[in-house]
Amino acid sequence: MSTFFANVKGMSDISLKAIQKSVIDCLERDDQLPEGQEKAYGVREFSYWRDMSNEIEAELDRRGIIYNKICW
């Protein structure tokens, strides 16, 4: 597992959910742009977005927290 956050296990539930929601929001904004237009965030273009999201989702799952998973 990558380490985008030095201590993802030490982050609060609220922080993890907020970051995950931000990834979802950025993905939705990118997806709303017309095809061929440069994406503002590049969520689908840069693997670190998915890696970061996977790390956060794994921690949320470990804690048994309900959240909206990203449908890639």
N, C-alpha and C. Protein backbone atom coordinates (compact mmCIF):
# COMPACT_ATOMS: atom_id res chain seq x y z
N MET A 1 0.85 -1.18 0.00
CA MET A 1 0.00 0.00 0.00
C MET A 1 0.89 1.24 0.00
N SER A 2 0.52 2.22 -0.75
CA SER A 2 1.27 3.47 -0.79
C SER A 2 1.01 4.27 0.48
N THR A 3 1.76 5.32 0.64
CA THR A 3 1.58 6.16 1.83
C THR A 3 1.44 7.61 1.41
N PHE A 4 0.27 7.96 0.94
CA PHE A 4 0.02 9.34 0.57
C PHE A 4 -0.07 10.22 1.79
N PHE A 5 -0.51 9.64 2.86
CA PHE A 5 -0.60 10.36 4.11
C PHE A 5 0.35 9.69 5.08
N ALA A 6 1.14 10.47 5.77
CA ALA A 6 2.13 9.91 6.68
C ALA A 6 1.49 9.00 7.71
N ASN A 7 0.27 9.34 8.13
CA ASN A 7 -0.38 8.55 9.17
C ASN A 7 -1.87 8.49 8.92
N VAL A 8 -2.26 7.79 7.86
CA VAL A 8 -3.69 7.70 7.53
C VAL A 8 -4.47 7.07 8.67
N LYS A 9 -3.85 6.16 9.40
CA LYS A 9 -4.52 5.52 10.54
C LYS A 9 -4.75 6.51 11.68
N GLY A 10 -3.98 7.56 11.72
CA GLY A 10 -4.13 8.57 12.77
C GLY A 10 -5.12 9.67 12.43
N MET A 11 -5.64 9.66 11.21
CA MET A 11 -6.59 10.70 10.81
C MET A 11 -7.97 10.39 11.38
N SER A 12 -8.73 11.44 11.63
CA SER A 12 -10.08 11.26 12.17
C SER A 12 -11.01 10.70 11.10
N ASP A 13 -12.09 10.10 11.54
CA ASP A 13 -13.10 9.58 10.61
C ASP A 13 -13.62 10.69 9.72
N ILE A 14 -13.89 11.83 10.32
CA ILE A 14 -14.43 12.97 9.56
C ILE A 14 -13.45 13.42 8.49
N SER A 15 -12.16 13.47 8.82
CA SER A 15 -11.14 13.88 7.85
C SER A 15 -11.08 12.91 6.69
N LEU A 16 -11.06 11.63 6.99
CA LEU A 16 -11.00 10.62 5.92
C LEU A 16 -12.22 10.72 5.00
N LYS A 17 -13.39 10.87 5.59
CA LYS A 17 -14.60 10.98 4.77
C LYS A 17 -14.60 12.26 3.94
N ALA A 18 -14.07 13.35 4.49
CA ALA A 18 -14.01 14.61 3.76
C ALA A 18 -13.06 14.51 2.57
N ILE A 19 -11.93 13.87 2.76
CA ILE A 19 -10.99 13.71 1.65
C ILE A 19 -11.59 12.82 0.58
N GLN A 20 -12.22 11.73 0.98
CA GLN A 20 -12.86 10.83 0.02
C GLN A 20 -13.95 11.56 -0.76
N LYS A 21 -14.73 12.36 -0.08
CA LYS A 21 -15.79 13.14 -0.75
C LYS A 21 -15.17 14.13 -1.74
N SER A 22 -14.04 14.71 -1.38
CA SER A 22 -13.37 15.64 -2.28
C SER A 22 -12.90 14.94 -3.56
N VAL A 23 -12.41 13.72 -3.43
CA VAL A 23 -12.00 12.96 -4.61
C VAL A 23 -13.22 12.72 -5.50
N ILE A 24 -14.33 12.34 -4.90
CA ILE A 24 -15.56 12.11 -5.67
C ILE A 24 -15.99 13.40 -6.38
N ASP A 25 -15.95 14.51 -5.68
CA ASP A 25 -16.34 15.80 -6.28
C ASP A 25 -15.44 16.16 -7.46
N CYS A 26 -14.13 15.98 -7.30
CA CYS A 26 -13.20 16.28 -8.39
C CYS A 26 -13.44 15.37 -9.59
N LEU A 27 -13.68 14.10 -9.33
CA LEU A 27 -13.97 13.15 -10.41
C LEU A 27 -15.23 13.55 -11.15
N GLU A 28 -16.27 13.91 -10.41
CA GLU A 28 -17.52 14.33 -11.05
C GLU A 28 -17.33 15.59 -11.89
N ARG A 29 -16.56 16.54 -11.39
CA ARG A 29 -16.31 17.77 -12.16
C ARG A 29 -15.54 17.46 -13.45
N ASP A 30 -14.53 16.62 -13.33
CA ASP A 30 -13.79 16.22 -14.54
C ASP A 30 -14.71 15.54 -15.54
N ASP A 31 -15.53 14.62 -15.05
CA ASP A 31 -16.41 13.85 -15.94
C ASP A 31 -17.48 14.72 -16.60
N GLN A 32 -17.82 15.85 -16.02
CA GLN A 32 -18.83 16.73 -16.59
C GLN A 32 -18.29 17.56 -17.76
N LEU A 33 -16.98 17.65 -17.87
CA LEU A 33 -16.40 18.42 -18.97
C LEU A 33 -16.53 17.64 -20.27
N PRO A 34 -16.71 18.35 -21.38
CA PRO A 34 -16.84 17.67 -22.67
C PRO A 34 -15.59 16.86 -23.00
N GLU A 35 -15.79 15.76 -23.73
CA GLU A 35 -14.67 14.93 -24.15
C GLU A 35 -13.72 15.76 -25.00
N GLY A 36 -12.45 15.57 -24.78
CA GLY A 36 -11.44 16.32 -25.52
C GLY A 36 -10.99 17.57 -24.80
N GLN A 37 -11.76 18.03 -23.84
CA GLN A 37 -11.37 19.21 -23.08
C GLN A 37 -10.47 18.78 -21.93
N GLU A 38 -9.44 19.57 -21.66
CA GLU A 38 -8.52 19.23 -20.59
C GLU A 38 -9.26 19.21 -19.26
N LYS A 39 -9.05 18.15 -18.52
CA LYS A 39 -9.73 17.97 -17.23
C LYS A 39 -9.02 18.81 -16.16
N ALA A 40 -9.80 19.46 -15.34
CA ALA A 40 -9.24 20.37 -14.33
C ALA A 40 -8.37 19.63 -13.32
N TYR A 41 -8.79 18.42 -12.94
CA TYR A 41 -8.09 17.70 -11.88
C TYR A 41 -7.33 16.48 -12.39
N GLY A 42 -7.72 15.93 -13.50
CA GLY A 42 -7.05 14.77 -14.06
C GLY A 42 -7.20 13.52 -13.21
N VAL A 43 -8.36 13.36 -12.58
CA VAL A 43 -8.57 12.24 -11.66
C VAL A 43 -8.40 10.89 -12.36
N ARG A 44 -8.92 10.77 -13.55
CA ARG A 44 -8.80 9.49 -14.27
C ARG A 44 -7.44 9.36 -14.97
N GLU A 45 -6.77 10.47 -15.18
CA GLU A 45 -5.51 10.45 -15.91
C GLU A 45 -4.30 10.15 -15.02
N PHE A 46 -4.37 10.48 -13.76
CA PHE A 46 -3.23 10.32 -12.86
C PHE A 46 -3.55 9.28 -11.79
N SER A 47 -2.74 8.24 -11.74
CA SER A 47 -3.01 7.10 -10.87
C SER A 47 -2.97 7.45 -9.38
N TYR A 48 -2.29 8.53 -9.02
CA TYR A 48 -2.21 8.84 -7.59
C TYR A 48 -3.57 9.14 -6.99
N TRP A 49 -4.51 9.62 -7.78
CA TRP A 49 -5.86 9.85 -7.27
C TRP A 49 -6.47 8.54 -6.80
N ARG A 50 -6.38 7.52 -7.64
CA ARG A 50 -6.95 6.22 -7.30
C ARG A 50 -6.18 5.59 -6.14
N ASP A 51 -4.87 5.72 -6.16
CA ASP A 51 -4.06 5.17 -5.07
C ASP A 51 -4.43 5.82 -3.74
N MET A 52 -4.58 7.14 -3.75
CA MET A 52 -4.96 7.86 -2.54
C MET A 52 -6.35 7.42 -2.08
N SER A 53 -7.28 7.33 -3.00
CA SER A 53 -8.63 6.93 -2.66
C SER A 53 -8.65 5.51 -2.11
N ASN A 54 -7.89 4.61 -2.72
CA ASN A 54 -7.83 3.23 -2.24
C ASN A 54 -7.29 3.16 -0.82
N GLU A 55 -6.29 3.96 -0.54
CA GLU A 55 -5.72 3.99 0.81
C GLU A 55 -6.74 4.47 1.83
N ILE A 56 -7.45 5.52 1.48
CA ILE A 56 -8.47 6.06 2.39
C ILE A 56 -9.62 5.08 2.55
N GLU A 57 -10.09 4.49 1.44
CA GLU A 57 -11.19 3.54 1.52
C GLU A 57 -10.81 2.32 2.35
N ALA A 58 -9.58 1.86 2.23
CA ALA A 58 -9.13 0.71 3.03
C ALA A 58 -9.20 1.03 4.53
N GLU A 59 -8.82 2.24 4.88
CA GLU A 59 -8.87 2.64 6.29
C GLU A 59 -10.32 2.80 6.76
N LEU A 60 -11.16 3.39 5.92
CA LEU A 60 -12.57 3.51 6.29
C LEU A 60 -13.20 2.14 6.45
N ASP A 61 -12.88 1.21 5.56
CA ASP A 61 -13.39 -0.16 5.68
C ASP A 61 -12.90 -0.80 6.97
N ARG A 62 -11.62 -0.62 7.27
CA ARG A 62 -11.04 -1.20 8.48
C ARG A 62 -11.78 -0.72 9.73
N ARG A 63 -12.21 0.55 9.68
CA ARG A 63 -12.92 1.14 10.82
C ARG A 63 -14.41 0.80 10.81
N GLY A 64 -14.90 0.20 9.74
CA GLY A 64 -16.31 -0.14 9.66
C GLY A 64 -17.20 1.07 9.41
N ILE A 65 -16.66 2.08 8.77
CA ILE A 65 -17.39 3.32 8.50
C ILE A 65 -18.12 3.20 7.17
N ILE A 66 -19.36 3.64 7.15
CA ILE A 66 -20.15 3.65 5.93
C ILE A 66 -19.85 4.94 5.17
N TYR A 67 -19.60 4.80 3.87
CA TYR A 67 -19.27 5.95 3.02
C TYR A 67 -19.61 5.57 1.58
N ASN A 68 -19.56 6.55 0.69
CA ASN A 68 -19.80 6.30 -0.74
C ASN A 68 -18.49 5.93 -1.40
N LYS A 69 -18.41 4.70 -1.88
CA LYS A 69 -17.22 4.24 -2.59
C LYS A 69 -17.21 4.84 -3.99
N ILE A 70 -16.03 5.02 -4.52
CA ILE A 70 -15.89 5.56 -5.86
C ILE A 70 -16.07 4.44 -6.87
N CYS A 71 -16.91 4.70 -7.85
CA CYS A 71 -17.12 3.75 -8.96
C CYS A 71 -16.20 4.20 -10.09
N TRP A 72 -15.08 3.55 -10.21
CA TRP A 72 -14.13 3.92 -11.24
C TRP A 72 -14.57 3.38 -12.57
